[in-house]
Amino acid sequence: MTISIQTLHDVLVAVAVTIGIAVAMSIALTAAGALFERDQARLAKAARPAAIPPRRPTLTQDTRELVGR
């Protein structure tokens, strides 16, 4: 049983093409996911209500007692 150089070459090219396609798809899916997350973050930031000024703190019974002393 002999394996010709042409067959070996064809197998190596097929493996290289398969790995290349897998790497390209991985990069494309990673980039698409990053863009989707970026878009979601931008939409969440835009949908956030305007900043509401903080309310003045109300005096509780304990703080009134301290202020009164």
C-alpha atoms as a PDB file:
ATOM      1  CA  MET A   1       0.000   0.000   0.000  1.00  0.00           C
ATOM      2  CA  THR A   2       1.568   3.251  -1.142  1.00  0.00           C
ATOM      3  CA  ILE A   3       0.370   6.791  -0.732  1.00  0.00           C
ATOM      4  CA  SER A   4       1.258   9.046  -3.580  1.00  0.00           C
ATOM      5  CA  ILE A   5       2.638  12.511  -3.042  1.00  0.00           C
ATOM      6  CA  GLN A   6      -0.361  13.955  -4.916  1.00  0.00           C
ATOM      7  CA  THR A   7      -2.806  12.312  -2.480  1.00  0.00           C
ATOM      8  CA  LEU A   8      -0.797  13.541   0.500  1.00  0.00           C
ATOM      9  CA  HIS A   9      -0.749  17.034  -0.971  1.00  0.00           C
ATOM     10  CA  ASP A  10      -4.506  16.960  -1.539  1.00  0.00           C
ATOM     11  CA  VAL A  11      -5.139  15.862   2.041  1.00  0.00           C
ATOM     12  CA  LEU A  12      -2.888  18.584   3.437  1.00  0.00           C
ATOM     13  CA  VAL A  13      -4.613  21.235   1.310  1.00  0.00           C
ATOM     14  CA  ALA A  14      -8.023  19.988   2.432  1.00  0.00           C
ATOM     15  CA  VAL A  15      -6.991  20.134   6.102  1.00  0.00           C
ATOM     16  CA  ALA A  16      -5.520  23.621   5.666  1.00  0.00           C
ATOM     17  CA  VAL A  17      -8.680  24.872   3.934  1.00  0.00           C
ATOM     18  CA  THR A  18     -10.894  23.369   6.665  1.00  0.00           C
ATOM     19  CA  ILE A  19      -8.826  24.970   9.435  1.00  0.00           C
ATOM     20  CA  GLY A  20      -8.805  28.287   7.575  1.00  0.00           C
ATOM     21  CA  ILE A  21     -12.593  28.271   7.230  1.00  0.00           C
ATOM     22  CA  ALA A  22     -12.974  27.404  10.937  1.00  0.00           C
ATOM     23  CA  VAL A  23     -10.665  30.256  11.981  1.00  0.00           C
ATOM     24  CA  ALA A  24     -12.442  32.731   9.686  1.00  0.00           C
ATOM     25  CA  MET A  25     -15.849  31.721  11.051  1.00  0.00           C
ATOM     26  CA  SER A  26     -14.596  32.022  14.644  1.00  0.00           C
ATOM     27  CA  ILE A  27     -13.278  35.523  14.019  1.00  0.00           C
ATOM     28  CA  ALA A  28     -16.500  36.544  12.258  1.00  0.00           C
ATOM     29  CA  LEU A  29     -18.717  35.222  15.060  1.00  0.00           C
ATOM     30  CA  THR A  30     -16.574  36.889  17.724  1.00  0.00           C
ATOM     31  CA  ALA A  31     -16.720  40.213  15.883  1.00  0.00           C
ATOM     32  CA  ALA A  32     -20.487  39.909  15.388  1.00  0.00           C
ATOM     33  CA  GLY A  33     -20.970  39.174  19.089  1.00  0.00           C
ATOM     34  CA  ALA A  34     -18.834  42.151  20.088  1.00  0.00           C
ATOM     35  CA  LEU A  35     -20.781  44.459  17.785  1.00  0.00           C
ATOM     36  CA  PHE A  36     -24.081  43.123  19.141  1.00  0.00           C
ATOM     37  CA  GLU A  37     -22.980  43.697  22.750  1.00  0.00           C
ATOM     38  CA  ARG A  38     -21.766  47.180  21.874  1.00  0.00           C
ATOM     39  CA  ASP A  39     -25.089  47.977  20.232  1.00  0.00           C
ATOM     40  CA  GLN A  40     -27.017  46.658  23.240  1.00  0.00           C
ATOM     41  CA  ALA A  41     -24.912  48.764  25.615  1.00  0.00           C
ATOM     42  CA  ARG A  42     -25.450  51.860  23.489  1.00  0.00           C
ATOM     43  CA  LEU A  43     -29.210  51.296  23.400  1.00  0.00           C
ATOM     44  CA  ALA A  44     -29.324  50.738  27.151  1.00  0.00           C
ATOM     45  CA  LYS A  45     -27.399  53.952  27.716  1.00  0.00           C
ATOM     46  CA  ALA A  46     -29.760  55.886  25.439  1.00  0.00           C
ATOM     47  CA  ALA A  47     -32.850  54.433  27.134  1.00  0.00           C
ATOM     48  CA  ARG A  48     -31.650  55.381  30.609  1.00  0.00           C
ATOM     49  CA  PRO A  49     -33.791  58.179  32.078  1.00  0.00           C
ATOM     50  CA  ALA A  50     -32.281  61.583  32.632  1.00  0.00           C
ATOM     51  CA  ALA A  51     -30.384  62.096  35.830  1.00  0.00           C
ATOM     52  CA  ILE A  52     -32.689  62.976  38.684  1.00  0.00           C
ATOM     53  CA  PRO A  53     -31.198  65.259  41.298  1.00  0.00           C
ATOM     54  CA  PRO A  54     -30.903  63.602  44.702  1.00  0.00           C
ATOM     55  CA  ARG A  55     -33.625  64.370  47.183  1.00  0.00           C
ATOM     56  CA  ARG A  56     -32.766  66.279  50.295  1.00  0.00           C
ATOM     57  CA  PRO A  57     -32.376  63.901  53.183  1.00  0.00           C
ATOM     58  CA  THR A  58     -35.167  64.035  55.712  1.00  0.00           C
ATOM     59  CA  LEU A  59     -34.351  64.288  59.368  1.00  0.00           C
ATOM     60  CA  THR A  60     -35.224  61.212  61.347  1.00  0.00           C
ATOM     61  CA  GLN A  61     -36.009  61.258  65.035  1.00  0.00           C
ATOM     62  CA  ASP A  62     -32.419  60.287  65.903  1.00  0.00           C
ATOM     63  CA  THR A  63     -30.869  63.055  63.833  1.00  0.00           C
ATOM     64  CA  ARG A  64     -33.332  65.630  65.183  1.00  0.00           C
ATOM     65  CA  GLU A  65     -32.290  64.660  68.668  1.00  0.00           C
ATOM     66  CA  LEU A  66     -28.616  65.090  67.812  1.00  0.00           C
ATOM     67  CA  VAL A  67     -29.241  68.425  66.093  1.00  0.00           C
ATOM     68  CA  GLY A  68     -31.296  69.656  69.035  1.00  0.00           C
ATOM     69  CA  ARG A  69     -28.472  69.055  71.519  1.00  0.00           C
END
